[in-house]
Every structure is written in structure tokens, then in C-alpha cells.
C-alpha atoms as a PDB file:
ATOM      1  CA  UNK A   1       0.000   0.000   0.000  1.00  0.00           C
ATOM      2  CA  UNK A   2       2.751   2.358   0.771  1.00  0.00           C
ATOM      3  CA  UNK A   3       4.264   2.600  -2.688  1.00  0.00           C
ATOM      4  CA  UNK A   4       6.759   5.311  -3.494  1.00  0.00           C
ATOM      5  CA  UNK A   5       5.562   7.546  -6.312  1.00  0.00           C
ATOM      6  CA  UNK A   6       7.876   7.784  -9.272  1.00  0.00           C
ATOM      7  CA  UNK A   7       9.174  11.306  -9.960  1.00  0.00           C
ATOM      8  CA  UNK A   8       8.398  13.013 -13.229  1.00  0.00           C
ATOM      9  CA  UNK A   9      11.125  14.065 -15.677  1.00  0.00           C
ATOM     10  CA  UNK A  10      11.732  17.431 -13.963  1.00  0.00           C
ATOM     11  CA  UNK A  11      12.003  15.822 -10.553  1.00  0.00           C
ATOM     12  CA  UNK A  12      14.609  13.353 -11.812  1.00  0.00           C
ATOM     13  CA  UNK A  13      16.701  15.748 -13.964  1.00  0.00           C
ATOM     14  CA  UNK A  14      16.548  19.266 -12.514  1.00  0.00           C
ATOM     15  CA  UNK A  15      19.956  18.963 -10.787  1.00  0.00           C
ATOM     16  CA  UNK A  16      21.822  18.784 -14.082  1.00  0.00           C
ATOM     17  CA  UNK A  17      19.350  20.607 -16.325  1.00  0.00           C
ATOM     18  CA  UNK A  18      19.417  23.928 -14.437  1.00  0.00           C
ATOM     19  CA  UNK A  19      23.235  24.421 -14.473  1.00  0.00           C
ATOM     20  CA  UNK A  20      23.551  23.174 -18.058  1.00  0.00           C
ATOM     21  CA  UNK A  21      20.678  25.390 -19.172  1.00  0.00           C
ATOM     22  CA  UNK A  22      22.151  28.467 -17.464  1.00  0.00           C
ATOM     23  CA  UNK A  23      25.638  27.758 -18.777  1.00  0.00           C
ATOM     24  CA  UNK A  24      24.277  27.122 -22.270  1.00  0.00           C
ATOM     25  CA  UNK A  25      22.341  30.406 -22.239  1.00  0.00           C
ATOM     26  CA  UNK A  26      25.395  32.291 -21.004  1.00  0.00           C
ATOM     27  CA  UNK A  27      27.560  30.675 -23.695  1.00  0.00           C
ATOM     28  CA  UNK A  28      25.084  31.644 -26.425  1.00  0.00           C
ATOM     29  CA  UNK A  29      24.946  35.241 -25.148  1.00  0.00           C
ATOM     30  CA  UNK A  30      28.743  35.571 -25.013  1.00  0.00           C
ATOM     31  CA  UNK A  31      29.017  33.975 -28.458  1.00  0.00           C
ATOM     32  CA  UNK A  32      26.531  36.483 -29.857  1.00  0.00           C
ATOM     33  CA  UNK A  33      28.484  39.414 -28.377  1.00  0.00           C
ATOM     34  CA  UNK A  34      31.782  38.062 -29.777  1.00  0.00           C
ATOM     35  CA  UNK A  35      30.190  37.553 -33.198  1.00  0.00           C
ATOM     36  CA  UNK A  36      28.818  41.099 -33.152  1.00  0.00           C
ATOM     37  CA  UNK A  37      32.222  42.544 -32.187  1.00  0.00           C
ATOM     38  CA  UNK A  38      33.992  40.564 -34.916  1.00  0.00           C
ATOM     39  CA  UNK A  39      31.470  41.801 -37.459  1.00  0.00           C
ATOM     40  CA  UNK A  40      31.914  45.461 -36.430  1.00  0.00           C
ATOM     41  CA  UNK A  41      35.728  45.286 -36.293  1.00  0.00           C
ATOM     42  CA  UNK A  42      35.782  43.377 -39.577  1.00  0.00           C
ATOM     43  CA  UNK A  43      33.698  46.025 -41.311  1.00  0.00           C
ATOM     44  CA  UNK A  44      36.004  48.782 -40.045  1.00  0.00           C
ATOM     45  CA  UNK A  45      39.085  46.882 -41.193  1.00  0.00           C
ATOM     46  CA  UNK A  46      37.713  46.416 -44.706  1.00  0.00           C
ATOM     47  CA  UNK A  47      37.255  50.148 -45.267  1.00  0.00           C
ATOM     48  CA  UNK A  48      39.697  51.929 -47.564  1.00  0.00           C
ATOM     49  CA  UNK A  49      40.311  54.608 -44.918  1.00  0.00           C
ATOM     50  CA  UNK A  50      41.659  51.906 -42.581  1.00  0.00           C
ATOM     51  CA  UNK A  51      43.676  50.150 -45.300  1.00  0.00           C
ATOM     52  CA  UNK A  52      45.218  53.377 -46.645  1.00  0.00           C
ATOM     53  CA  UNK A  53      46.151  54.652 -43.177  1.00  0.00           C
ATOM     54  CA  UNK A  54      47.773  51.339 -42.249  1.00  0.00           C
ATOM     55  CA  UNK A  55      49.659  51.194 -45.563  1.00  0.00           C
ATOM     56  CA  UNK A  56      51.009  54.727 -45.055  1.00  0.00           C
ATOM     57  CA  UNK A  57      52.202  53.843 -41.530  1.00  0.00           C
ATOM     58  CA  UNK A  58      53.870  50.644 -42.764  1.00  0.00           C
ATOM     59  CA  UNK A  59      55.874  52.568 -45.368  1.00  0.00           C
ATOM     60  CA  UNK A  60      56.875  55.576 -43.244  1.00  0.00           C
ATOM     61  CA  UNK A  61      60.637  55.425 -42.454  1.00  0.00           C
ATOM     62  CA  UNK A  62      60.270  57.162 -39.062  1.00  0.00           C
ATOM     63  CA  UNK A  63      57.600  54.734 -37.889  1.00  0.00           C
ATOM     64  CA  UNK A  64      59.583  51.737 -39.145  1.00  0.00           C
ATOM     65  CA  UNK A  65      62.703  52.963 -37.349  1.00  0.00           C
ATOM     66  CA  UNK A  66      60.947  53.426 -34.003  1.00  0.00           C
ATOM     67  CA  UNK A  67      58.647  50.399 -33.714  1.00  0.00           C
ATOM     68  CA  UNK A  68      60.441  48.112 -36.160  1.00  0.00           C
ATOM     69  CA  UNK A  69      59.288  45.889 -38.948  1.00  0.00           C
ATOM     70  CA  UNK A  70      56.999  44.067 -39.604  1.00  0.00           C
ATOM     71  CA  UNK A  71      54.199  46.280 -38.335  1.00  0.00           C
ATOM     72  CA  UNK A  72      51.070  44.356 -37.357  1.00  0.00           C
ATOM     73  CA  UNK A  73      47.651  45.884 -36.805  1.00  0.00           C
ATOM     74  CA  UNK A  74      45.813  45.161 -33.577  1.00  0.00           C
ATOM     75  CA  UNK A  75      42.408  43.604 -33.092  1.00  0.00           C
ATOM     76  CA  UNK A  76      40.454  46.344 -31.322  1.00  0.00           C
ATOM     77  CA  UNK A  77      39.957  49.287 -33.660  1.00  0.00           C
ATOM     78  CA  UNK A  78      37.986  52.101 -32.072  1.00  0.00           C
ATOM     79  CA  UNK A  79      36.101  54.977 -33.624  1.00  0.00           C
ATOM     80  CA  UNK A  80      33.481  55.145 -36.300  1.00  0.00           C
ATOM     81  CA  UNK A  81      33.021  55.030 -40.039  1.00  0.00           C
ATOM     82  CA  UNK A  82      29.982  56.311 -41.870  1.00  0.00           C
ATOM     83  CA  UNK A  83      29.840  55.695 -45.615  1.00  0.00           C
ATOM     84  CA  UNK A  84      26.912  56.569 -47.819  1.00  0.00           C
ATOM     85  CA  UNK A  85      27.740  55.673 -51.407  1.00  0.00           C
ATOM     86  CA  UNK A  86      30.536  57.914 -52.718  1.00  0.00           C
ATOM     87  CA  UNK A  87      30.698  60.045 -49.555  1.00  0.00           C
ATOM     88  CA  UNK A  88      31.406  59.474 -45.892  1.00  0.00           C
ATOM     89  CA  UNK A  89      33.653  60.168 -42.961  1.00  0.00           C
ATOM     90  CA  UNK A  90      35.939  58.173 -40.668  1.00  0.00           C
ATOM     91  CA  UNK A  91      37.388  58.820 -37.233  1.00  0.00           C
ATOM     92  CA  UNK A  92      39.539  55.869 -36.175  1.00  0.00           C
ATOM     93  CA  UNK A  93      42.171  54.816 -33.676  1.00  0.00           C
ATOM     94  CA  UNK A  94      44.162  51.844 -34.985  1.00  0.00           C
ATOM     95  CA  UNK A  95      46.518  49.972 -32.638  1.00  0.00           C
ATOM     96  CA  UNK A  96      49.728  48.749 -34.287  1.00  0.00           C
ATOM     97  CA  UNK A  97      52.819  47.016 -32.989  1.00  0.00           C
ATOM     98  CA  UNK A  98      56.260  46.055 -34.126  1.00  0.00           C
ATOM     99  CA  UNK A  99      59.159  44.195 -32.554  1.00  0.00           C
ATOM    100  CA  UNK A 100      60.425  47.397 -30.870  1.00  0.00           C
ATOM    101  CA  UNK A 101      57.175  48.816 -29.523  1.00  0.00           C
ATOM    102  CA  UNK A 102      53.528  49.728 -29.875  1.00  0.00           C
ATOM    103  CA  UNK A 103      51.719  52.719 -31.336  1.00  0.00           C
ATOM    104  CA  UNK A 104      48.328  54.029 -32.386  1.00  0.00           C
ATOM    105  CA  UNK A 105      47.361  55.507 -35.719  1.00  0.00           C
ATOM    106  CA  UNK A 106      44.829  58.306 -35.404  1.00  0.00           C
ATOM    107  CA  UNK A 107      42.786  58.861 -38.540  1.00  0.00           C
ATOM    108  CA  UNK A 108      40.292  61.559 -39.455  1.00  0.00           C
ATOM    109  CA  UNK A 109      39.180  61.333 -43.077  1.00  0.00           C
ATOM    110  CA  UNK A 110      36.366  62.334 -45.375  1.00  0.00           C
ATOM    111  CA  UNK A 111      35.231  60.525 -48.489  1.00  0.00           C
ATOM    112  CA  UNK A 112      34.122  62.639 -51.382  1.00  0.00           C
ATOM    113  CA  UNK A 113      33.386  61.434 -54.911  1.00  0.00           C
ATOM    114  CA  UNK A 114      34.583  57.966 -53.924  1.00  0.00           C
ATOM    115  CA  UNK A 115      38.036  59.042 -52.652  1.00  0.00           C
ATOM    116  CA  UNK A 116      39.245  59.283 -49.046  1.00  0.00           C
ATOM    117  CA  UNK A 117      41.033  62.510 -48.088  1.00  0.00           C
ATOM    118  CA  UNK A 118      42.851  62.511 -44.748  1.00  0.00           C
ATOM    119  CA  UNK A 119      42.690  65.628 -42.597  1.00  0.00           C
ATOM    120  CA  UNK A 120      44.563  63.924 -39.727  1.00  0.00           C
ATOM    121  CA  UNK A 121      46.879  60.953 -39.970  1.00  0.00           C
ATOM    122  CA  UNK A 122      49.169  60.704 -36.962  1.00  0.00           C
ATOM    123  CA  UNK A 123      51.082  57.830 -35.382  1.00  0.00           C
ATOM    124  CA  UNK A 124      51.568  58.152 -31.628  1.00  0.00           C
ATOM    125  CA  UNK A 125      54.304  55.966 -30.123  1.00  0.00           C
ATOM    126  CA  UNK A 126      53.033  54.416 -26.892  1.00  0.00           C
ATOM    127  CA  UNK A 127      56.170  54.604 -24.734  1.00  0.00           C
ATOM    128  CA  UNK A 128      57.464  58.064 -25.647  1.00  0.00           C
ATOM    129  CA  UNK A 129      54.169  59.721 -26.668  1.00  0.00           C
ATOM    130  CA  UNK A 130      56.067  60.986 -29.740  1.00  0.00           C
ATOM    131  CA  UNK A 131      53.766  61.887 -32.632  1.00  0.00           C
ATOM    132  CA  UNK A 132      54.641  61.356 -36.279  1.00  0.00           C
ATOM    133  CA  UNK A 133      52.489  63.171 -38.835  1.00  0.00           C
ATOM    134  CA  UNK A 134      52.115  60.926 -41.875  1.00  0.00           C
ATOM    135  CA  UNK A 135      50.664  63.697 -44.035  1.00  0.00           C
ATOM    136  CA  UNK A 136      53.897  65.738 -44.131  1.00  0.00           C
END
């Protein structure tokens, strides 16, 4: 008469389902944030303003002498780019590094008739705070 009732699925499995469910939700959220960041940084890095600024820094003798060669761009680009067809503007901070040190490229540019024109293009060396104007 005194039979023990069998537990339902939730009663038998809640001890593993709750932590796995929470961890799975957290993993999906973090994965979404990482995907979003990669998409944003990837779009910035594909712009011609970014590519031209990086190419000018990689060929500048003063920059090469101070931070060394090869110069590698960093992952976390900050700033913004707004392009609307043949016009737009960019305001970027690009981290770069070489074997002898680190620096940031500061870019302010405007796109008109499909061509980027730089109003500011400066490399700031991290250790010495020395600034090299790439437009001179």
C-alpha cells in the first residue's frame, strides 16, 4: 500500500538541467556578443580609410625605425566610419605594434566622390608619446 511515487522528468533531472541550461544560455549570449564585435571590427578593417592609413604607416621610415618591422595591426579598432555611397567620414584609432614597440594611428578622413582625403593621420608611439604626422 505504501508505494513510493515515481518522480516526473523534472524531478529526476533538474539537478543537471538547471546548471547546463544556465551555462548554455550564457555561452550563447557571449558567443553572440563576440560575433557582433567581430562583425563590427571586420567592417572597419575592410574600409579603404583603414587600409590606406595602415599602408602609409607601414611605409613611413620614421615609424619603421621606431617600432620596427613588420608592423602588425591590432584587433580592437575604435572609432566610427559612416559611408553613404561615394561620400562618408571616418574617425579611427588603430593599434599597431612592431618588434620594438607599440603605437596608435589616429585617422580623421572624409570621403568625397569615392576618394578618401585625410585631414589627420598621426602615429603616436606608446612609450614616448612621440607623434609622427604621416601627411607631411
